[in-house]
C-alpha atoms as a PDB file:
ATOM      1  CA  HIS A   1      76.123  95.675 109.230  1.00  0.00           C
ATOM      2  CA  ASP A   2      77.768  98.873 107.955  1.00  0.00           C
ATOM      3  CA  GLY A   3      80.640  97.388 106.104  1.00  0.00           C
ATOM      4  CA  VAL A   4      83.322  97.267 108.580  1.00  0.00           C
ATOM      5  CA  ALA A   5      84.988  94.092 109.436  1.00  0.00           C
ATOM      6  CA  LEU A   6      83.530  92.596 112.702  1.00  0.00           C
ATOM      7  CA  SER A   7      86.289  93.061 115.305  1.00  0.00           C
ATOM      8  CA  SER A   8      86.520  94.213 118.987  1.00  0.00           C
ATOM      9  CA  ARG A   9      88.910  96.738 117.694  1.00  0.00           C
ATOM     10  CA  ASN A  10      85.997  98.848 116.020  1.00  0.00           C
ATOM     11  CA  LYS A  11      84.992 100.238 119.563  1.00  0.00           C
ATOM     12  CA  TYR A  12      88.422 102.374 119.431  1.00  0.00           C
ATOM     13  CA  LEU A  13      87.137 103.866 116.181  1.00  0.00           C
ATOM     14  CA  THR A  14      86.015 107.289 116.202  1.00  0.00           C
ATOM     15  CA  GLN A  15      82.507 108.030 114.027  1.00  0.00           C
ATOM     16  CA  ALA A  16      84.468 109.651 111.413  1.00  0.00           C
ATOM     17  CA  GLU A  17      87.324 106.698 111.466  1.00  0.00           C
ATOM     18  CA  ARG A  18      84.533 104.096 111.251  1.00  0.00           C
ATOM     19  CA  LEU A  19      83.157 105.800 108.096  1.00  0.00           C
ATOM     20  CA  ARG A  20      86.323 105.882 106.309  1.00  0.00           C
ATOM     21  CA  ALA A  21      86.820 102.265 107.597  1.00  0.00           C
ATOM     22  CA  ARG A  22      84.179 100.904 105.506  1.00  0.00           C
ATOM     23  CA  THR A  23      86.518 101.609 102.582  1.00  0.00           C
ATOM     24  CA  LEU A  24      88.642  98.640 103.681  1.00  0.00           C
ATOM     25  CA  SER A  25      85.871  96.015 102.594  1.00  0.00           C
ATOM     26  CA  GLY A  26      84.893  98.519  99.831  1.00  0.00           C
ATOM     27  CA  GLY A  27      88.688  98.007  98.219  1.00  0.00           C
ATOM     28  CA  LEU A  28      88.168  94.191  98.729  1.00  0.00           C
ATOM     29  CA  ARG A  29      84.204  94.252  96.696  1.00  0.00           C
ATOM     30  CA  THR A  30      85.945  96.496  94.146  1.00  0.00           C
ATOM     31  CA  VAL A  31      88.407  93.815  93.561  1.00  0.00           C
ATOM     32  CA  GLN A  32      85.935  91.138  93.788  1.00  0.00           C
ATOM     33  CA  ALA A  33      83.897  93.105  90.837  1.00  0.00           C
ATOM     34  CA  ALA A  34      87.162  93.404  88.604  1.00  0.00           C
ATOM     35  CA  VAL A  35      87.600  89.676  88.531  1.00  0.00           C
ATOM     36  CA  GLU A  36      83.735  89.541  87.775  1.00  0.00           C
ATOM     37  CA  GLY A  37      84.567  91.601  84.686  1.00  0.00           C
ATOM     38  CA  GLY A  38      87.128  89.366  83.845  1.00  0.00           C
ATOM     39  CA  GLU A  39      90.638  91.128  84.730  1.00  0.00           C
ATOM     40  CA  ARG A  40      92.836  88.742  85.736  1.00  0.00           C
ATOM     41  CA  ILE A  41      96.377  90.550  86.298  1.00  0.00           C
ATOM     42  CA  VAL A  42      97.036  90.547  90.107  1.00  0.00           C
ATOM     43  CA  GLN A  43      98.846  94.238  89.714  1.00  0.00           C
ATOM     44  CA  THR A  44      95.777  95.706  88.019  1.00  0.00           C
ATOM     45  CA  LEU A  45      93.700  94.345  90.406  1.00  0.00           C
ATOM     46  CA  LEU A  46      95.742  95.687  93.340  1.00  0.00           C
ATOM     47  CA  ALA A  47      95.824  99.242  92.153  1.00  0.00           C
ATOM     48  CA  LEU A  48      92.128  99.198  91.716  1.00  0.00           C
ATOM     49  CA  GLY A  49      91.479  98.071  95.291  1.00  0.00           C
ATOM     50  CA  ARG A  50      94.526 100.626  96.435  1.00  0.00           C
ATOM     51  CA  SER A  51      92.487 103.272  94.696  1.00  0.00           C
ATOM     52  CA  SER A  52      89.246 102.517  96.754  1.00  0.00           C
ATOM     53  CA  ILE A  53      90.879 102.247 100.070  1.00  0.00           C
ATOM     54  CA  ASP A  54      90.754 105.627 102.312  1.00  0.00           C
ATOM     55  CA  ALA A  55      93.018 104.597 105.243  1.00  0.00           C
ATOM     56  CA  ASP A  56      95.786 106.617 107.375  1.00  0.00           C
ATOM     57  CA  HIS A  57      98.198 103.822 106.435  1.00  0.00           C
ATOM     58  CA  LEU A  58      97.422 100.847 104.192  1.00  0.00           C
ATOM     59  CA  GLN A  59      99.830  98.041 105.547  1.00  0.00           C
ATOM     60  CA  TYR A  60      98.988  95.565 102.932  1.00  0.00           C
ATOM     61  CA  LEU A  61      96.552  94.449  99.976  1.00  0.00           C
ATOM     62  CA  GLU A  62      97.784  90.931  98.762  1.00  0.00           C
ATOM     63  CA  ILE A  63      95.936  88.814  96.507  1.00  0.00           C
ATOM     64  CA  ARG A  64      97.110  85.054  97.201  1.00  0.00           C
ATOM     65  CA  SER A  65      96.191  81.472  96.128  1.00  0.00           C
ATOM     66  CA  ALA A  66      93.248  80.183  98.134  1.00  0.00           C
ATOM     67  CA  ASP A  67      95.045  76.478  98.479  1.00  0.00           C
ATOM     68  CA  ASP A  68      98.753  77.550  99.704  1.00  0.00           C
ATOM     69  CA  LEU A  69      98.467  81.571 100.302  1.00  0.00           C
ATOM     70  CA  THR A  70     101.073  81.794  97.574  1.00  0.00           C
ATOM     71  CA  PRO A  71     101.253  85.033  96.158  1.00  0.00           C
ATOM     72  CA  LEU A  72     100.137  85.045  92.375  1.00  0.00           C
ATOM     73  CA  VAL A  73     100.985  87.465  89.274  1.00  0.00           C
ATOM     74  CA  THR A  74      97.925  86.344  87.200  1.00  0.00           C
ATOM     75  CA  LEU A  75      94.590  85.212  88.349  1.00  0.00           C
ATOM     76  CA  ASP A  76      94.626  81.227  87.254  1.00  0.00           C
ATOM     77  CA  ARG A  77      93.159  79.773  90.422  1.00  0.00           C
ATOM     78  CA  PRO A  78      91.220  80.338  93.304  1.00  0.00           C
ATOM     79  CA  ALA A  79      92.151  82.909  95.389  1.00  0.00           C
ATOM     80  CA  ARG A  80      91.371  85.474  98.004  1.00  0.00           C
ATOM     81  CA  VAL A  81      92.299  89.138  98.810  1.00  0.00           C
ATOM     82  CA  PHE A  82      93.903  90.235 102.042  1.00  0.00           C
ATOM     83  CA  ALA A  83      94.269  93.728 103.645  1.00  0.00           C
ATOM     84  CA  ALA A  84      95.145  95.480 106.647  1.00  0.00           C
ATOM     85  CA  ALA A  85      94.989  99.045 107.440  1.00  0.00           C
ATOM     86  CA  ARG A  86      95.190 101.700 109.923  1.00  0.00           C
ATOM     87  CA  TYR A  87      92.370 104.292 110.863  1.00  0.00           C
ATOM     88  CA  GLY A  88      93.765 106.207 113.472  1.00  0.00           C
ATOM     89  CA  SER A  89      95.627 104.181 115.980  1.00  0.00           C
ATOM     90  CA  THR A  90      93.148 101.043 115.323  1.00  0.00           C
ATOM     91  CA  ARG A  91      94.337  98.183 113.053  1.00  0.00           C
ATOM     92  CA  LEU A  92      91.978  96.256 111.103  1.00  0.00           C
ATOM     93  CA  ILE A  93      92.194  93.226 108.799  1.00  0.00           C
ATOM     94  CA  ASP A  94      89.667  91.524 106.366  1.00  0.00           C
ATOM     95  CA  ASN A  95      89.872  89.150 103.608  1.00  0.00           C
ATOM     96  CA  MET A  96      87.369  87.935 100.943  1.00  0.00           C
ATOM     97  CA  ALA A  97      87.319  85.284  98.630  1.00  0.00           C
ATOM     98  CA  LEU A  98      87.523  86.041  95.123  1.00  0.00           C
ATOM     99  CA  PRO A  99      85.326  84.534  92.046  1.00  0.00           C
ATOM    100  CA  ASP A 100      86.854  81.394  90.424  1.00  0.00           C
ATOM    101  CA  PRO A 101      88.966  82.700  87.354  1.00  0.00           C
ATOM    102  CA  THR A 102      88.761  79.443  85.568  1.00  0.00           C
END
């Protein structure tokens, strides 16, 4: 596994796009690491994630409550980070659980 989200759409990526697409999950892992390091401000976490993602178009990067998917301002409960981005004509989506902040 090379770090690109498992998807049937991966076959449409060129080799160069596939290399860049690794940064989508890398950005999510950057957010995870920041939470592990104690960061709880969602806007800060999202800025860190955005700076790690190299995409033709980052459609969204969001942190939401794991229970009901409501948007969060401060990480004060279990949450997930969600992302969608375009690499060439291919749209990839990914999400990861964040470490429990409590």
